[in-house]
Protein backbone atom coordinates (compact mmCIF):
# COMPACT_ATOMS: atom_id res chain seq x y z
CA MET A 1 -3.88 26.82 33.72
CA LEU A 2 -1.82 23.70 34.11
CA GLU A 3 -3.66 21.97 31.34
CA GLU A 4 -2.99 24.85 29.02
CA VAL A 5 0.80 24.68 29.88
CA ILE A 6 0.80 21.08 29.13
CA LEU A 7 -1.13 21.51 25.91
CA LYS A 8 1.40 24.02 24.80
CA LEU A 9 4.38 22.03 25.67
CA ALA A 10 2.97 19.11 23.66
CA ALA A 11 3.40 21.37 20.50
CA ALA A 12 1.64 18.82 18.21
CA GLU A 13 -0.81 18.78 15.40
CA SER A 14 -3.92 16.98 16.59
CA LEU A 15 -6.84 15.26 15.13
CA PRO A 16 -10.14 17.08 15.20
CA ASP A 17 -11.77 17.38 18.81
CA SER A 18 -14.93 15.77 17.32
CA LEU A 19 -13.56 12.77 15.43
CA PRO A 20 -14.91 12.60 11.81
CA ALA A 21 -17.58 9.94 11.16
CA ASP A 22 -15.61 8.86 8.14
CA PRO A 23 -11.77 8.97 8.40
CA LEU A 24 -11.05 8.32 4.74
CA LEU A 25 -10.93 12.04 3.82
CA LEU A 26 -8.34 12.67 6.34
CA LEU A 27 -6.27 9.82 5.41
CA THR A 28 -6.49 10.83 1.71
CA GLN A 29 -5.39 14.30 2.74
CA TRP A 30 -2.37 13.14 4.65
CA TYR A 31 -1.39 10.77 1.93
CA GLU A 32 -1.54 13.60 -0.69
CA GLN A 33 0.23 16.06 1.41
CA ALA A 34 3.03 13.62 2.08
CA LYS A 35 3.45 13.09 -1.78
CA ALA A 36 3.36 16.79 -2.34
CA ALA A 37 5.73 17.64 0.34
CA LYS A 38 8.57 15.43 -1.43
CA SER A 39 10.37 15.15 1.94
CA THR A 40 11.15 11.49 1.41
CA PRO A 41 11.87 9.62 -1.72
CA ASN A 42 8.87 7.37 -1.40
CA PRO A 43 6.08 8.99 0.67
CA ASP A 44 3.73 6.23 -0.59
CA ALA A 45 5.74 3.48 1.02
CA VAL A 46 4.14 1.14 3.62
CA ALA A 47 5.13 -1.67 5.67
CA LEU A 48 2.84 -4.55 4.43
CA ALA A 49 2.46 -7.41 7.04
CA THR A 50 0.96 -10.86 6.17
CA ALA A 51 0.74 -14.16 7.91
CA THR A 52 0.35 -17.98 6.74
CA PRO A 53 -2.80 -19.60 8.14
CA ASP A 54 -0.62 -21.24 10.98
CA GLY A 55 0.26 -17.79 12.16
CA HIS A 56 3.88 -17.08 10.85
CA PRO A 57 4.05 -13.42 10.10
CA SER A 58 6.10 -11.65 7.42
CA VAL A 59 6.57 -7.90 6.60
CA ARG A 60 8.08 -5.99 3.90
CA MET A 61 7.94 -2.55 2.25
CA VAL A 62 5.85 -2.01 -0.78
CA LEU A 63 4.41 1.11 -2.59
CA CYS A 64 0.81 2.01 -2.08
CA ARG A 65 -0.13 3.45 -5.32
CA HIS A 66 -3.68 4.46 -4.60
CA VAL A 67 -5.70 5.55 -1.49
CA GLU A 68 -9.57 5.30 -2.60
CA PRO A 69 -12.32 7.12 -1.26
CA ASP A 70 -14.33 3.86 -0.86
CA GLY A 71 -12.04 2.71 1.85
CA SER A 72 -9.43 0.57 -0.15
CA LEU A 73 -5.66 0.77 -0.69
CA MET A 74 -3.81 -0.68 -3.83
CA PHE A 75 -0.40 -2.10 -4.31
CA TYR A 76 1.16 -4.13 -7.08
CA THR A 77 3.37 -7.19 -6.96
CA ASN A 78 4.21 -10.60 -8.37
CA TYR A 79 1.50 -13.12 -7.85
CA ASP A 80 4.13 -15.97 -7.19
CA SER A 81 5.65 -14.00 -4.55
CA ARG A 82 5.81 -14.89 -0.75
CA LYS A 83 3.54 -12.15 0.05
CA SER A 84 0.89 -13.35 -2.61
CA ALA A 85 1.21 -16.77 -1.48
CA ASP A 86 0.45 -15.61 2.13
CA LEU A 87 -2.59 -13.48 0.95
CA LEU A 88 -4.12 -16.43 -1.09
CA ALA A 89 -4.13 -18.61 1.96
CA ASN A 90 -4.92 -15.78 4.40
CA PRO A 91 -6.47 -12.75 2.77
CA ARG A 92 -5.89 -10.61 5.98
CA ALA A 93 -3.12 -7.81 5.75
CA ALA A 94 -2.09 -4.78 7.57
CA VAL A 95 -0.13 -1.75 6.48
CA VAL A 96 1.52 1.27 8.28
CA PHE A 97 2.48 4.53 6.61
CA HIS A 98 5.05 6.36 8.67
CA TRP A 99 5.41 10.05 7.53
CA ASP A 100 8.12 10.90 10.19
CA HIS A 101 8.82 14.31 8.59
CA GLN A 102 5.19 15.33 9.13
CA GLY A 103 4.77 13.67 12.63
CA ARG A 104 2.10 11.37 11.39
CA GLN A 105 1.30 7.75 11.07
CA ALA A 106 -1.58 5.73 9.60
CA ARG A 107 -2.30 2.01 10.30
CA ALA A 108 -4.77 0.06 8.17
CA GLU A 109 -6.16 -3.46 8.43
CA GLY A 110 -8.44 -5.24 6.20
CA PHE A 111 -8.93 -7.98 3.73
CA THR A 112 -7.48 -8.36 0.26
CA VAL A 113 -8.67 -9.13 -3.18
CA HIS A 114 -6.95 -9.10 -6.69
CA ALA A 115 -7.25 -6.04 -8.70
CA THR A 116 -9.06 -6.26 -12.12
CA ASP A 117 -6.97 -6.94 -15.15
CA GLN A 118 -7.91 -3.23 -16.44
CA GLU A 119 -6.61 -1.68 -13.08
CA SER A 120 -3.24 -3.84 -13.26
CA ASP A 121 -2.90 -3.09 -16.98
CA ALA A 122 -3.30 0.49 -16.40
CA TYR A 123 -0.66 0.81 -13.64
CA PHE A 124 1.88 -1.58 -15.37
CA ASN A 125 1.79 0.67 -18.44
CA LYS A 126 2.85 3.56 -16.32
CA ARG A 127 6.00 1.92 -14.82
CA ALA A 128 9.42 2.63 -16.21
CA LEU A 129 10.33 0.50 -19.01
CA LEU A 130 13.01 -1.40 -17.20
CA SER A 131 10.67 -2.11 -14.20
CA ARG A 132 8.12 -3.59 -16.80
CA LEU A 133 10.93 -5.88 -18.26
CA GLY A 134 11.97 -6.73 -14.65
CA SER A 135 8.54 -7.95 -14.01
CA TRP A 136 8.93 -10.44 -16.78
CA ALA A 137 12.26 -11.58 -15.65
CA SER A 138 11.86 -11.82 -11.92
CA LYS A 139 10.61 -15.12 -10.31
CA GLN A 140 10.05 -13.21 -7.22
CA SER A 141 10.95 -14.94 -3.90
CA SER A 142 12.50 -17.80 -5.64
CA PRO A 143 16.29 -18.68 -5.33
CA LEU A 144 18.73 -16.77 -7.43
CA ALA A 145 22.16 -18.32 -8.16
CA SER A 146 23.77 -14.69 -8.96
CA ARG A 147 22.90 -11.14 -9.71
CA LYS A 148 24.14 -11.77 -13.34
CA ASP A 149 21.61 -14.38 -13.84
CA LEU A 150 18.95 -11.75 -13.06
CA VAL A 151 20.57 -9.29 -15.54
CA THR A 152 20.61 -11.99 -18.16
CA ALA A 153 17.01 -12.79 -17.52
CA VAL A 154 16.11 -9.09 -18.04
CA ALA A 155 18.13 -9.07 -21.27
CA GLN A 156 16.39 -12.11 -22.43
CA ALA A 157 13.03 -10.35 -21.67
CA ALA A 158 13.93 -7.57 -23.78
CA THR A 159 14.87 -9.77 -26.66
CA ARG A 160 11.86 -11.70 -26.52
CA LEU A 161 9.56 -8.66 -26.27
CA ARG A 162 11.54 -6.73 -29.02
CA VAL A 163 12.77 -3.95 -26.98
CA SER A 164 15.74 -2.21 -28.51
CA ILE A 165 18.71 -0.55 -26.74
CA GLU A 166 17.50 2.78 -27.75
CA SER A 167 14.24 2.31 -26.15
CA LEU A 168 15.98 1.51 -22.84
CA LEU A 169 18.20 4.35 -23.02
CA SER A 170 15.35 6.70 -23.94
CA PRO A 171 13.74 8.81 -20.70
CA LYS A 172 10.46 8.23 -22.35
CA PRO A 173 10.35 5.59 -24.56
CA ALA A 174 7.28 5.17 -26.98
CA ILE A 175 6.75 1.45 -26.27
CA THR A 176 4.27 -0.83 -24.90
CA ILE A 177 4.80 -4.28 -23.79
CA PRO A 178 2.16 -6.80 -22.20
CA ARG A 179 1.74 -7.23 -18.67
CA PRO A 180 2.91 -10.65 -17.32
CA PRO A 181 0.14 -12.88 -16.34
CA ASN A 182 1.38 -13.52 -12.97
CA TRP A 183 1.90 -9.83 -12.08
CA GLY A 184 -0.92 -7.27 -10.87
CA GLY A 185 -2.60 -5.53 -8.04
CA PHE A 186 -4.00 -6.23 -4.65
CA ARG A 187 -6.74 -4.26 -3.07
CA ILE A 188 -7.02 -3.93 0.68
CA TRP A 189 -10.37 -3.27 1.91
CA ILE A 190 -10.03 -1.40 4.99
CA ASP A 191 -12.11 -2.26 8.14
CA ARG A 192 -9.81 -0.70 10.77
CA LEU A 193 -7.91 2.58 10.37
CA GLU A 194 -5.96 4.18 12.95
CA LEU A 195 -4.54 7.61 12.71
CA TRP A 196 -1.79 9.12 14.80
CA CYS A 197 -0.27 12.50 15.21
CA GLY A 198 3.12 12.94 17.23
CA GLY A 199 3.56 15.45 20.21
CA SER A 200 6.39 16.18 22.64
CA GLY A 201 6.45 14.29 25.92
CA ARG A 202 4.59 11.44 24.20
CA LEU A 203 1.51 13.47 24.09
CA HIS A 204 0.53 12.04 20.86
CA ASP A 205 -3.06 12.18 19.42
CA ARG A 206 -4.37 8.68 18.51
CA ALA A 207 -7.89 7.32 17.12
CA ALA A 208 -9.22 4.32 15.44
CA TRP A 209 -12.13 3.66 13.34
CA ILE A 210 -13.72 0.35 12.84
CA ARG A 211 -16.45 -1.07 10.57
CA GLN A 212 -17.92 -4.50 9.95
CA ARG A 213 -18.83 -6.16 6.75
CA THR A 214 -22.31 -6.77 5.99
CA ASP A 215 -22.40 -8.58 2.62
CA GLY A 216 -21.88 -11.93 4.24
CA GLN A 217 -19.50 -13.24 1.26
CA SER A 218 -16.49 -15.22 2.10
CA THR A 219 -14.68 -14.12 -0.93
CA LEU A 220 -15.04 -11.38 -3.44
CA ALA A 221 -14.35 -11.26 -7.25
CA PRO A 222 -12.06 -8.70 -8.62
CA GLY A 223 -13.78 -5.47 -8.95
CA GLN A 224 -16.73 -6.69 -6.68
CA LEU A 225 -17.70 -4.11 -3.88
CA PRO A 226 -18.21 -5.31 -0.29
CA SER A 227 -20.57 -3.54 2.09
CA PHE A 228 -19.82 -2.36 5.53
CA THR A 229 -21.53 -0.72 8.48
CA PRO A 230 -20.86 2.92 9.41
CA TRP A 231 -17.50 3.69 10.93
CA GLN A 232 -17.33 3.74 14.68
CA ALA A 233 -14.63 6.13 16.06
CA GLN A 234 -12.65 6.07 19.32
CA ARG A 235 -9.90 8.18 20.64
CA LEU A 236 -7.04 5.99 22.31
CA TYR A 237 -4.36 6.62 24.72
CA PRO A 238 -1.04 6.97 23.01
């Protein structure tokens, strides 16, 4: 009786009593439901944590543009940025989705590899025109004297790439510009995933899934697939 009252007071969504052998379907459902709900401007935003080889951490918000059924996440950035320098030296990364309006959180850890040129091109061509020009103009993470210098650099990129004012003002400009060679995607191959549902009185529901690599390779080429052991699931105290 007491346990029933406590469970009712918790008033929370919960993970399945029998944790799924593969958590990726649940993560994908949460991701798609958060986007469909449109309760926040950027439901695909994640905090991305990286670290230098000597352990200096850094965290920033990026947009996770894909959650793949193979157990990977994709984001895009300038390859000359601080985050990229961290990942080049130490490919381990961690991200967290916090869907506060749905009482859900997902944490993922894994190793990163560059996206293929085809993947980076496909996403770059979907971006707003001004964002594409900004990718050409921005020397991300480098010192900038003034905001005017950035605006000037974008204008210079537009001139160099023959982008007209009419195209900039059009809501759907029919114009294609090439992707900068120092801009593209990173794929995070997840080897630890934690899912969390919030409950009243801190009676949250939390579980983690872990898998180990079995391919024995120290690095992967873009587009190359790693291999893993099956997921091992464990519920955790919140």
